[in-house]
Protein backbone atom coordinates (compact mmCIF):
# COMPACT_ATOMS: atom_id res chain seq x y z
CA MET A 1 14.10 -13.06 -5.76
CA GLY A 2 11.50 -12.21 -3.27
CA LYS A 3 7.96 -12.59 -3.56
CA LYS A 4 5.16 -10.11 -4.09
CA ILE A 5 2.67 -10.08 -1.24
CA VAL A 6 -0.81 -8.42 -0.89
CA VAL A 7 -2.40 -8.10 2.59
CA LEU A 8 -6.20 -7.22 2.42
CA ASN A 9 -6.52 -6.17 6.18
CA GLY A 10 -10.17 -5.92 7.03
CA SER A 11 -9.63 -4.47 10.33
CA PRO A 12 -11.36 -1.34 11.13
CA ARG A 13 -8.76 -0.28 13.63
CA LYS A 14 -5.06 0.77 12.06
CA ALA A 15 -3.75 0.23 15.47
CA GLY A 16 -5.86 -2.72 16.67
CA ASN A 17 -4.88 -6.18 17.16
CA THR A 18 -5.37 -7.65 13.67
CA SER A 19 -3.12 -4.82 12.53
CA ALA A 20 -0.38 -5.75 14.92
CA LEU A 21 -0.45 -9.12 13.28
CA VAL A 22 0.11 -7.63 10.19
CA ARG A 23 2.80 -5.43 11.01
CA GLU A 24 4.75 -8.65 12.33
CA PHE A 25 3.96 -10.39 9.67
CA THR A 26 5.00 -7.71 7.25
CA LYS A 27 8.45 -7.22 9.12
CA GLY A 28 8.93 -11.08 8.63
CA ALA A 29 8.29 -11.17 5.26
CA GLU A 30 10.41 -8.13 4.23
CA SER A 31 13.19 -9.45 6.38
CA ALA A 32 13.30 -12.59 3.80
CA GLY A 33 13.56 -10.11 0.95
CA ASN A 34 9.75 -10.05 0.13
CA THR A 35 7.92 -6.89 -1.14
CA VAL A 36 4.35 -6.31 0.91
CA THR A 37 1.60 -4.04 -0.12
CA GLU A 38 -1.20 -3.61 2.49
CA PHE A 39 -4.58 -2.64 1.62
CA PHE A 40 -6.51 -1.05 4.51
CA LEU A 41 -9.85 -2.02 3.58
CA ASN A 42 -11.72 0.41 6.27
CA SER A 43 -10.39 3.61 4.47
CA MET A 44 -11.38 2.50 1.24
CA ASP A 45 -14.61 3.06 -0.81
CA ILE A 46 -15.50 -0.76 -1.92
CA HIS A 47 -18.84 -1.45 -2.71
CA GLY A 48 -20.60 -4.85 -2.44
CA CYS A 49 -20.80 -7.30 -5.51
CA LEU A 50 -23.63 -6.72 -7.75
CA GLY A 51 -23.71 -10.43 -8.72
CA CYS A 52 -24.07 -9.09 -12.59
CA PHE A 53 -21.41 -11.31 -14.14
CA GLY A 54 -20.37 -8.34 -15.95
CA GLY A 55 -16.55 -8.86 -15.22
CA LYS A 56 -14.13 -9.21 -17.84
CA SER A 57 -10.84 -10.30 -16.09
CA SER A 58 -8.46 -9.34 -18.56
CA ARG A 59 -9.39 -5.50 -18.26
CA GLU A 60 -7.44 -3.24 -16.29
CA CYS A 61 -10.43 -3.03 -13.76
CA PRO A 62 -12.50 -6.06 -14.30
CA CYS A 63 -15.37 -5.07 -12.48
CA VAL A 64 -18.28 -3.04 -13.80
CA GLN A 65 -18.27 -0.89 -10.59
CA LYS A 66 -15.57 1.92 -10.48
CA ASP A 67 -14.53 2.23 -6.84
CA ASP A 68 -11.30 1.55 -4.93
CA MET A 69 -11.21 -2.20 -5.78
CA SER A 70 -9.35 -0.88 -9.18
CA ARG A 71 -6.39 -0.22 -6.83
CA ILE A 72 -6.55 -3.75 -5.40
CA TYR A 73 -7.04 -5.70 -8.65
CA PRO A 74 -3.87 -4.99 -10.26
CA ALA A 75 -1.70 -5.97 -6.92
CA ILE A 76 -3.82 -9.04 -6.97
CA LYS A 77 -2.94 -10.09 -10.59
CA GLU A 78 0.76 -9.32 -9.91
CA CYS A 79 1.13 -10.94 -6.52
CA ASP A 80 2.34 -14.50 -5.46
CA VAL A 81 1.01 -14.41 -2.01
CA VAL A 82 -2.31 -13.21 -0.63
CA VAL A 83 -2.80 -12.51 3.30
CA LEU A 84 -6.27 -12.26 4.63
CA ALA A 85 -6.25 -10.31 7.64
CA THR A 86 -9.51 -9.71 9.74
CA PRO A 87 -11.12 -9.44 13.46
CA LEU A 88 -13.35 -12.43 14.25
CA TYR A 89 -16.83 -11.01 13.88
CA TYR A 90 -19.99 -13.12 14.44
CA TRP A 91 -17.74 -16.10 13.68
CA ASN A 92 -16.70 -14.69 10.23
CA MET A 93 -14.57 -12.18 8.60
CA SER A 94 -15.17 -8.73 8.93
CA GLY A 95 -17.67 -6.91 6.42
CA GLN A 96 -14.62 -5.03 4.97
CA LEU A 97 -12.74 -8.28 4.15
CA ARG A 98 -15.58 -10.20 2.71
CA THR A 99 -16.52 -7.34 0.48
CA ALA A 100 -13.24 -7.20 -0.96
CA VAL A 101 -13.00 -11.01 -1.10
CA ASP A 102 -16.40 -11.25 -3.12
CA ARG A 103 -15.40 -8.32 -5.29
CA LEU A 104 -12.22 -10.45 -6.47
CA PHE A 105 -14.73 -12.65 -8.27
CA ALA A 106 -14.21 -10.39 -11.31
CA LEU A 107 -11.10 -11.61 -11.77
CA GLU A 108 -12.52 -15.17 -12.54
CA GLU A 109 -15.05 -13.82 -15.06
CA GLY A 110 -15.24 -13.26 -18.63
CA ASP A 111 -12.33 -13.69 -20.95
CA GLY A 112 -9.93 -15.71 -18.59
CA ASN A 113 -9.50 -16.72 -15.01
CA LEU A 114 -6.68 -14.46 -13.54
CA LEU A 115 -7.48 -15.61 -9.93
CA ARG A 116 -7.85 -19.22 -9.68
CA GLY A 117 -4.58 -21.16 -9.68
CA ASN A 118 -1.48 -19.58 -10.85
CA GLY A 119 0.70 -20.63 -8.16
CA ARG A 120 -0.47 -18.38 -5.46
CA THR A 121 -0.52 -19.04 -2.01
CA SER A 122 -2.38 -17.48 0.95
CA ALA A 123 -2.34 -17.07 4.70
CA LEU A 124 -5.06 -16.09 7.31
CA LEU A 125 -4.26 -13.60 10.24
CA MET A 126 -7.08 -13.19 12.70
CA ALA A 127 -7.42 -11.64 16.19
CA ALA A 128 -10.68 -11.91 18.19
CA GLU A 129 -12.08 -11.50 21.87
CA GLY A 130 -12.91 -15.11 21.87
CA SER A 131 -11.62 -18.17 20.28
CA GLY A 132 -14.34 -19.53 18.21
CA PHE A 133 -12.42 -19.41 14.66
CA GLU A 134 -13.65 -22.94 13.53
CA ASP A 135 -16.35 -21.42 11.21
CA VAL A 136 -14.21 -18.98 9.31
CA VAL A 137 -11.11 -21.23 9.15
CA LEU A 138 -13.71 -23.91 7.32
CA TYR A 139 -14.62 -20.89 5.04
CA TYR A 140 -11.07 -19.95 4.48
CA ASP A 141 -10.04 -23.55 3.60
CA HIS A 142 -13.02 -24.09 1.14
CA LEU A 143 -12.05 -20.83 -0.45
CA MET A 144 -8.52 -21.93 -0.80
CA GLU A 145 -9.47 -25.11 -2.30
CA HIS A 146 -11.71 -23.45 -4.89
CA LEU A 147 -9.04 -20.94 -5.60
CA GLN A 148 -6.46 -23.59 -5.86
CA TRP A 149 -4.04 -21.55 -4.15
CA GLU A 150 -1.76 -23.37 -1.24
CA ASN A 151 -2.54 -22.53 2.28
CA LEU A 152 0.58 -21.35 3.92
CA GLY A 153 -1.07 -21.25 7.39
CA HIS A 154 -3.40 -19.39 10.01
CA VAL A 155 -2.36 -17.23 13.05
CA LEU A 156 -5.27 -17.17 15.14
CA ALA A 157 -5.07 -14.90 18.27
CA GLY A 158 -8.00 -15.16 20.67
CA GLY A 159 -8.38 -13.19 24.23
CA ASN A 160 -7.96 -9.92 22.71
CA MET A 161 -10.67 -7.43 23.24
CA ALA A 162 -9.06 -4.10 23.74
CA VAL A 163 -6.68 -2.40 21.29
CA GLY A 164 -3.08 -3.44 22.29
CA ASP A 165 -4.35 -6.78 24.25
CA ILE A 166 -2.18 -8.60 21.95
CA GLU A 167 1.08 -7.04 22.94
CA GLY A 168 3.46 -9.86 24.35
CA LYS A 169 1.40 -12.70 22.96
CA PRO A 170 2.94 -15.44 21.10
CA GLU A 171 0.73 -14.88 18.19
CA LEU A 172 2.59 -11.91 17.13
CA LYS A 173 5.94 -14.10 16.84
CA GLU A 174 3.97 -16.70 14.97
CA ALA A 175 2.89 -13.83 12.46
CA TYR A 176 6.50 -12.62 12.02
CA GLU A 177 7.83 -16.22 11.37
CA LEU A 178 5.13 -16.82 8.97
CA GLY A 179 6.20 -13.87 6.97
CA LYS A 180 9.62 -14.76 7.36
CA LYS A 181 9.23 -18.41 5.88
CA ILE A 182 7.90 -16.85 2.62
CA HIS A 183 10.74 -16.75 -0.28
């Protein structure tokens, strides 16, 4: 039986280099019998966390805000694997992805922690003009430690400025293989 995989794609470009990594990862994951659901965050209406501590993890929509996170929460509750995909912006994840990750906190609030632990695993896919991934990888690794999710790995593709720069680069095969090894 395949795994349920959720990809949170924080790229602003559907045809960009990060999205190319996601496409290859998805091909590999699906070839191994997994189901992949991708959320292209840039086209979704997701507001920043209010820090209100008003969430209730067991509600269908655990957050007090009613926006497109209501589409993501059920998928995260049901999935086995969460993939964070993002370009590198100022040595961090894109704002689109950071906002969604912050809002996942509602699944840890209130009447039960439905985010932390639960045998979930995760991976990080990133494309960037440069290659300064250290800070964001440190953040990601700390996040995985907090969430108690197993880190399946990182695919970090530097040297990609213009759309399509990633074509033919080994990181695309790495993303495919990372997806394929999930079962």
